[in-house]
């Protein structure tokens, strides 16, 4: 069985977005600046994945201050699975589209893959033992 982990959205003003989500009672769970990739990730929510809670990942791409159209602001759903390679093969065998083969995430340590649903929404598969 899988675990729903987080949904990622791109934001043009990280602090304004954090202020908004605080109004909903959410708080910053963790933050990661990635200078090599020129972006910052901030995970927010009511509790973290360790406590069984799904999170929202706010992604700020440095220098992208003009904003995003709603259609390009959405990033992906993330699902934790015990074996990324096995799930990718199941998706492929079922006729699904694999958009990123299993492997380590660039500039990180997670083992991931990406697949697309029939409408083109991306789902990130993250290996979680």
N, C-alpha and C. Protein backbone atom coordinates (compact mmCIF):
# COMPACT_ATOMS: atom_id res chain seq x y z
N UNK A 1 0.84 -1.18 0.00
CA UNK A 1 0.00 0.00 0.00
C UNK A 1 0.88 1.23 0.00
N UNK A 2 0.48 2.26 -0.73
CA UNK A 2 1.25 3.50 -0.82
C UNK A 2 0.85 4.50 0.24
N UNK A 3 1.57 5.61 0.26
CA UNK A 3 1.32 6.70 1.19
C UNK A 3 1.30 8.00 0.42
N UNK A 4 0.28 8.81 0.59
CA UNK A 4 0.23 10.12 -0.04
C UNK A 4 1.13 11.04 0.79
N UNK A 5 2.15 11.63 0.15
CA UNK A 5 3.14 12.42 0.87
C UNK A 5 2.93 13.93 0.76
N UNK A 6 2.93 14.46 -0.45
CA UNK A 6 2.79 15.91 -0.60
C UNK A 6 2.34 16.29 -1.99
N UNK A 7 1.89 17.53 -2.11
CA UNK A 7 1.60 18.15 -3.40
C UNK A 7 2.51 19.37 -3.52
N UNK A 8 3.14 19.53 -4.69
CA UNK A 8 4.06 20.64 -4.91
C UNK A 8 3.40 21.70 -5.78
N UNK A 9 3.54 22.97 -5.37
CA UNK A 9 3.11 24.08 -6.20
C UNK A 9 4.23 25.11 -6.25
N UNK A 10 4.37 25.73 -7.42
CA UNK A 10 5.38 26.78 -7.60
C UNK A 10 4.78 28.10 -7.15
N UNK A 11 5.59 28.90 -6.46
CA UNK A 11 5.12 30.19 -5.95
C UNK A 11 6.06 31.29 -6.41
N UNK A 12 5.51 32.48 -6.61
CA UNK A 12 6.35 33.59 -7.06
C UNK A 12 6.93 34.39 -5.90
N UNK A 13 6.26 34.35 -4.75
CA UNK A 13 6.73 35.08 -3.57
C UNK A 13 6.60 34.13 -2.37
N UNK A 14 7.72 33.55 -1.98
CA UNK A 14 7.71 32.52 -0.95
C UNK A 14 7.15 33.04 0.37
N UNK A 15 7.59 34.20 0.80
CA UNK A 15 7.14 34.72 2.10
C UNK A 15 5.65 35.04 2.11
N UNK A 16 5.14 35.60 1.01
CA UNK A 16 3.70 35.87 0.93
C UNK A 16 2.91 34.58 0.97
N UNK A 17 3.41 33.54 0.32
CA UNK A 17 2.73 32.24 0.33
C UNK A 17 2.73 31.65 1.73
N UNK A 18 3.88 31.72 2.40
CA UNK A 18 3.96 31.20 3.77
C UNK A 18 2.99 31.95 4.68
N UNK A 19 2.93 33.25 4.54
CA UNK A 19 1.99 34.05 5.34
C UNK A 19 0.56 33.58 5.13
N UNK A 20 0.19 33.32 3.88
CA UNK A 20 -1.16 32.86 3.58
C UNK A 20 -1.45 31.52 4.25
N UNK A 21 -0.57 30.55 4.09
CA UNK A 21 -0.83 29.23 4.65
C UNK A 21 -0.82 29.24 6.18
N UNK A 22 -0.09 30.18 6.76
CA UNK A 22 -0.15 30.33 8.23
C UNK A 22 -1.56 30.75 8.66
N UNK A 23 -2.23 31.51 7.80
CA UNK A 23 -3.61 31.91 8.11
C UNK A 23 -4.53 30.69 8.21
N UNK A 24 -4.16 29.64 7.53
CA UNK A 24 -4.94 28.39 7.57
C UNK A 24 -4.51 27.48 8.71
N UNK A 25 -3.57 27.95 9.52
CA UNK A 25 -3.10 27.16 10.65
C UNK A 25 -1.94 26.23 10.35
N UNK A 26 -1.41 26.31 9.12
CA UNK A 26 -0.26 25.47 8.77
C UNK A 26 1.02 26.13 9.24
N UNK A 27 2.05 25.35 9.36
CA UNK A 27 3.34 25.90 9.74
C UNK A 27 4.45 25.27 8.90
N UNK A 28 5.58 25.96 8.89
CA UNK A 28 6.74 25.47 8.14
C UNK A 28 7.31 24.26 8.84
N UNK A 29 7.45 23.17 8.09
CA UNK A 29 7.97 21.92 8.65
C UNK A 29 9.47 21.77 8.39
N UNK A 30 9.90 22.16 7.20
CA UNK A 30 11.32 22.13 6.87
C UNK A 30 11.54 22.94 5.60
N UNK A 31 12.80 23.34 5.42
CA UNK A 31 13.18 24.21 4.29
C UNK A 31 14.51 23.71 3.75
N UNK A 32 14.63 23.81 2.43
CA UNK A 32 15.89 23.41 1.79
C UNK A 32 16.20 24.36 0.64
N UNK A 33 17.32 25.05 0.74
CA UNK A 33 17.82 25.89 -0.34
C UNK A 33 18.74 25.04 -1.21
N UNK A 34 18.58 25.13 -2.52
CA UNK A 34 19.40 24.35 -3.46
C UNK A 34 20.07 25.34 -4.41
N UNK A 35 21.22 25.90 -4.01
CA UNK A 35 21.89 26.90 -4.85
C UNK A 35 22.24 26.38 -6.24
N UNK A 36 22.64 25.09 -6.34
CA UNK A 36 23.01 24.53 -7.64
C UNK A 36 21.82 24.55 -8.61
N UNK A 37 20.64 24.33 -8.10
CA UNK A 37 19.43 24.31 -8.92
C UNK A 37 18.69 25.63 -8.93
N UNK A 38 19.14 26.58 -8.12
CA UNK A 38 18.54 27.91 -8.01
C UNK A 38 17.07 27.85 -7.60
N UNK A 39 16.80 27.08 -6.52
CA UNK A 39 15.44 27.02 -6.00
C UNK A 39 15.45 26.77 -4.50
N UNK A 40 14.33 27.05 -3.86
CA UNK A 40 14.11 26.79 -2.44
C UNK A 40 12.84 25.97 -2.31
N UNK A 41 12.90 24.95 -1.46
CA UNK A 41 11.73 24.13 -1.14
C UNK A 41 11.35 24.39 0.31
N UNK A 42 10.06 24.63 0.55
CA UNK A 42 9.55 24.76 1.90
C UNK A 42 8.36 23.84 2.02
N UNK A 43 8.43 22.91 2.97
CA UNK A 43 7.33 21.97 3.22
C UNK A 43 6.52 22.52 4.38
N UNK A 44 5.20 22.60 4.16
CA UNK A 44 4.30 23.13 5.17
C UNK A 44 3.17 22.14 5.42
N UNK A 45 2.51 22.30 6.54
CA UNK A 45 1.36 21.47 6.84
C UNK A 45 0.97 21.57 8.29
N UNK A 46 0.09 20.68 8.68
CA UNK A 46 -0.38 20.63 10.06
C UNK A 46 0.48 19.69 10.89
N UNK A 47 1.15 18.79 10.23
CA UNK A 47 2.07 17.84 10.83
C UNK A 47 2.88 17.25 9.71
N UNK A 48 3.97 16.57 10.04
CA UNK A 48 4.83 16.07 8.98
C UNK A 48 4.48 14.63 8.60
N UNK A 49 5.14 14.14 7.55
CA UNK A 49 4.89 12.79 7.07
C UNK A 49 5.09 11.75 8.17
N UNK A 50 6.06 11.98 9.05
CA UNK A 50 6.34 11.02 10.12
C UNK A 50 5.14 10.84 11.04
N UNK A 51 4.29 11.88 11.14
CA UNK A 51 3.10 11.78 11.98
C UNK A 51 1.87 11.36 11.18
N UNK A 52 2.10 10.95 9.92
CA UNK A 52 1.01 10.47 9.09
C UNK A 52 0.28 11.55 8.31
N UNK A 53 0.83 12.74 8.28
CA UNK A 53 0.18 13.87 7.61
C UNK A 53 0.78 14.11 6.23
N UNK A 54 -0.07 14.43 5.26
CA UNK A 54 0.41 14.88 3.96
C UNK A 54 0.85 16.34 4.09
N UNK A 55 1.74 16.75 3.21
CA UNK A 55 2.31 18.09 3.27
C UNK A 55 2.10 18.81 1.94
N UNK A 56 2.33 20.11 1.95
CA UNK A 56 2.40 20.91 0.73
C UNK A 56 3.84 21.36 0.57
N UNK A 57 4.36 21.17 -0.62
CA UNK A 57 5.72 21.62 -0.94
C UNK A 57 5.61 22.90 -1.76
N UNK A 58 6.07 24.01 -1.19
CA UNK A 58 6.13 25.27 -1.91
C UNK A 58 7.51 25.37 -2.55
N UNK A 59 7.54 25.54 -3.86
CA UNK A 59 8.81 25.64 -4.59
C UNK A 59 8.96 27.05 -5.13
N UNK A 60 10.04 27.70 -4.71
CA UNK A 60 10.35 29.02 -5.24
C UNK A 60 11.58 28.90 -6.13
N UNK A 61 11.39 29.15 -7.41
CA UNK A 61 12.49 29.15 -8.38
C UNK A 61 13.07 30.56 -8.38
N UNK A 62 14.34 30.67 -7.97
CA UNK A 62 14.98 31.97 -7.81
C UNK A 62 14.91 32.77 -9.10
N UNK A 63 14.47 34.01 -8.97
CA UNK A 63 14.41 34.90 -10.11
C UNK A 63 13.13 34.80 -10.91
N UNK A 64 12.27 33.86 -10.59
CA UNK A 64 10.99 33.70 -11.29
C UNK A 64 9.93 34.45 -10.49
N UNK A 65 9.94 35.77 -10.61
CA UNK A 65 9.05 36.60 -9.81
C UNK A 65 7.81 37.07 -10.56
N UNK A 66 7.70 36.74 -11.83
CA UNK A 66 6.55 37.17 -12.63
C UNK A 66 5.32 36.33 -12.37
N UNK A 67 5.47 35.21 -11.69
CA UNK A 67 4.34 34.37 -11.38
C UNK A 67 4.13 33.28 -12.40
N UNK A 68 3.11 32.49 -12.18
CA UNK A 68 2.76 31.35 -13.01
C UNK A 68 1.27 31.41 -13.29
N UNK A 69 0.88 30.93 -14.44
CA UNK A 69 -0.54 30.73 -14.68
C UNK A 69 -0.97 29.54 -13.84
N UNK A 70 -2.20 29.49 -13.44
CA UNK A 70 -2.64 28.39 -12.58
C UNK A 70 -2.27 27.04 -13.18
N UNK A 71 -2.40 26.90 -14.48
CA UNK A 71 -2.08 25.62 -15.12
C UNK A 71 -0.62 25.23 -15.03
N UNK A 72 0.29 26.22 -14.96
CA UNK A 72 1.70 25.88 -14.84
C UNK A 72 2.18 25.97 -13.40
N UNK A 73 1.35 26.46 -12.50
CA UNK A 73 1.73 26.56 -11.10
C UNK A 73 1.73 25.22 -10.39
N UNK A 74 0.86 24.31 -10.86
CA UNK A 74 0.80 22.99 -10.25
C UNK A 74 2.00 22.17 -10.68
N UNK A 75 2.62 21.46 -9.74
CA UNK A 75 3.80 20.66 -10.06
C UNK A 75 3.51 19.18 -10.19
N UNK A 76 3.24 18.52 -9.06
CA UNK A 76 3.01 17.08 -9.09
C UNK A 76 2.43 16.59 -7.77
N UNK A 77 1.87 15.40 -7.81
CA UNK A 77 1.49 14.68 -6.61
C UNK A 77 2.68 13.79 -6.26
N UNK A 78 2.89 13.52 -4.99
CA UNK A 78 3.98 12.63 -4.59
C UNK A 78 3.39 11.47 -3.79
N UNK A 79 3.83 10.27 -4.13
CA UNK A 79 3.34 9.07 -3.48
C UNK A 79 4.54 8.24 -3.02
N UNK A 80 4.56 7.88 -1.77
CA UNK A 80 5.62 7.02 -1.24
C UNK A 80 5.28 5.56 -1.51
N UNK A 81 6.24 4.84 -2.06
CA UNK A 81 6.06 3.42 -2.37
C UNK A 81 7.30 2.65 -1.92
N UNK A 82 7.13 1.37 -1.59
CA UNK A 82 8.29 0.60 -1.12
C UNK A 82 9.29 0.25 -2.22
N UNK A 83 8.86 0.19 -3.49
CA UNK A 83 9.75 -0.20 -4.58
C UNK A 83 9.40 0.60 -5.83
N UNK A 84 10.13 1.68 -6.07
CA UNK A 84 9.85 2.56 -7.20
C UNK A 84 9.93 1.81 -8.52
N UNK A 85 10.97 1.01 -8.69
CA UNK A 85 11.15 0.29 -9.96
C UNK A 85 9.95 -0.62 -10.25
N UNK A 86 9.46 -1.32 -9.24
CA UNK A 86 8.33 -2.22 -9.43
C UNK A 86 7.07 -1.45 -9.84
N UNK A 87 6.83 -0.32 -9.21
CA UNK A 87 5.65 0.47 -9.54
C UNK A 87 5.76 1.03 -10.96
N UNK A 88 6.95 1.48 -11.34
CA UNK A 88 7.15 1.98 -12.71
C UNK A 88 6.85 0.88 -13.71
N UNK A 89 7.30 -0.32 -13.45
CA UNK A 89 7.03 -1.43 -14.37
C UNK A 89 5.54 -1.75 -14.44
N UNK A 90 4.86 -1.67 -13.30
CA UNK A 90 3.42 -1.91 -13.27
C UNK A 90 2.69 -0.85 -14.11
N UNK A 91 3.10 0.42 -13.97
CA UNK A 91 2.50 1.50 -14.75
C UNK A 91 2.77 1.28 -16.24
N UNK A 92 4.01 0.96 -16.55
CA UNK A 92 4.38 0.75 -17.96
C UNK A 92 3.59 -0.42 -18.56
N UNK A 93 3.51 -1.52 -17.83
CA UNK A 93 2.77 -2.69 -18.31
C UNK A 93 1.28 -2.41 -18.47
N UNK A 94 0.77 -1.47 -17.68
CA UNK A 94 -0.64 -1.10 -17.76
C UNK A 94 -0.91 -0.05 -18.83
N UNK A 95 0.11 0.30 -19.60
CA UNK A 95 -0.06 1.27 -20.66
C UNK A 95 0.15 2.71 -20.25
N UNK A 96 0.60 2.91 -19.01
CA UNK A 96 0.83 4.27 -18.52
C UNK A 96 2.13 4.86 -19.05
N UNK A 97 2.27 6.15 -18.91
CA UNK A 97 3.43 6.88 -19.42
C UNK A 97 4.43 7.12 -18.29
N UNK A 98 5.68 6.73 -18.52
CA UNK A 98 6.77 6.99 -17.58
C UNK A 98 7.54 8.18 -18.14
N UNK A 99 7.61 9.26 -17.36
CA UNK A 99 8.28 10.47 -17.86
C UNK A 99 9.68 10.65 -17.28
N UNK A 100 10.01 9.94 -16.22
CA UNK A 100 11.36 9.94 -15.66
C UNK A 100 11.61 8.55 -15.10
N UNK A 101 12.62 7.91 -15.62
CA UNK A 101 12.97 6.57 -15.16
C UNK A 101 13.46 6.61 -13.71
N UNK A 102 13.35 5.50 -12.99
CA UNK A 102 13.80 5.45 -11.60
C UNK A 102 15.28 5.80 -11.46
N UNK A 103 15.58 6.56 -10.42
CA UNK A 103 16.96 6.92 -10.14
C UNK A 103 17.01 7.97 -9.04
N UNK A 104 18.23 8.32 -8.64
CA UNK A 104 18.37 9.33 -7.59
C UNK A 104 17.95 10.71 -8.09
N UNK A 105 17.40 11.51 -7.19
CA UNK A 105 16.99 12.86 -7.53
C UNK A 105 18.24 13.72 -7.73
N UNK A 106 18.19 14.61 -8.70
CA UNK A 106 19.31 15.51 -8.96
C UNK A 106 19.50 16.43 -7.76
N UNK A 107 20.72 16.58 -7.31
CA UNK A 107 21.11 17.41 -6.16
C UNK A 107 20.58 16.86 -4.84
N UNK A 108 20.15 15.60 -4.78
CA UNK A 108 19.61 15.05 -3.54
C UNK A 108 19.94 13.59 -3.37
N UNK A 109 19.25 12.94 -2.45
CA UNK A 109 19.54 11.54 -2.14
C UNK A 109 18.33 10.63 -2.31
N UNK A 110 17.16 11.17 -2.54
CA UNK A 110 15.96 10.34 -2.70
C UNK A 110 16.02 9.54 -4.00
N UNK A 111 15.38 8.38 -4.01
CA UNK A 111 15.26 7.54 -5.21
C UNK A 111 13.84 7.73 -5.72
N UNK A 112 13.71 8.25 -6.95
CA UNK A 112 12.40 8.65 -7.46
C UNK A 112 12.19 8.23 -8.91
N UNK A 113 10.97 8.40 -9.36
CA UNK A 113 10.59 8.29 -10.77
C UNK A 113 9.36 9.16 -10.94
N UNK A 114 9.02 9.48 -12.20
CA UNK A 114 7.81 10.23 -12.49
C UNK A 114 6.99 9.47 -13.52
N UNK A 115 5.69 9.47 -13.29
CA UNK A 115 4.74 8.92 -14.25
C UNK A 115 3.66 9.98 -14.47
N UNK A 116 2.87 9.81 -15.54
CA UNK A 116 1.80 10.75 -15.83
C UNK A 116 0.47 10.03 -15.84
N UNK A 117 -0.55 10.71 -15.31
CA UNK A 117 -1.90 10.14 -15.39
C UNK A 117 -2.47 10.45 -16.78
N UNK A 118 -3.65 9.96 -17.08
CA UNK A 118 -4.21 10.17 -18.43
C UNK A 118 -4.43 11.64 -18.81
N UNK A 119 -4.54 12.52 -17.81
CA UNK A 119 -4.73 13.94 -18.09
C UNK A 119 -3.42 14.71 -18.17
N UNK A 120 -2.31 14.00 -17.98
CA UNK A 120 -1.01 14.66 -18.04
C UNK A 120 -0.49 15.17 -16.71
N UNK A 121 -1.20 14.91 -15.61
CA UNK A 121 -0.70 15.31 -14.29
C UNK A 121 0.43 14.38 -13.88
N UNK A 122 1.48 14.97 -13.35
CA UNK A 122 2.65 14.19 -12.96
C UNK A 122 2.49 13.64 -11.54
N UNK A 123 2.95 12.42 -11.38
CA UNK A 123 2.99 11.78 -10.07
C UNK A 123 4.43 11.37 -9.83
N UNK A 124 5.00 11.90 -8.74
CA UNK A 124 6.35 11.53 -8.35
C UNK A 124 6.26 10.32 -7.43
N UNK A 125 6.99 9.28 -7.77
CA UNK A 125 7.07 8.09 -6.93
C UNK A 125 8.37 8.20 -6.13
N UNK A 126 8.26 8.16 -4.83
CA UNK A 126 9.42 8.28 -3.95
C UNK A 126 9.56 6.99 -3.15
N UNK A 127 10.74 6.40 -3.21
CA UNK A 127 10.96 5.14 -2.49
C UNK A 127 10.97 5.38 -0.99
N UNK A 128 10.06 4.71 -0.32
CA UNK A 128 9.92 4.78 1.14
C UNK A 128 9.83 3.36 1.66
N UNK A 129 10.87 2.87 2.31
CA UNK A 129 10.84 1.46 2.78
C UNK A 129 9.71 1.20 3.78
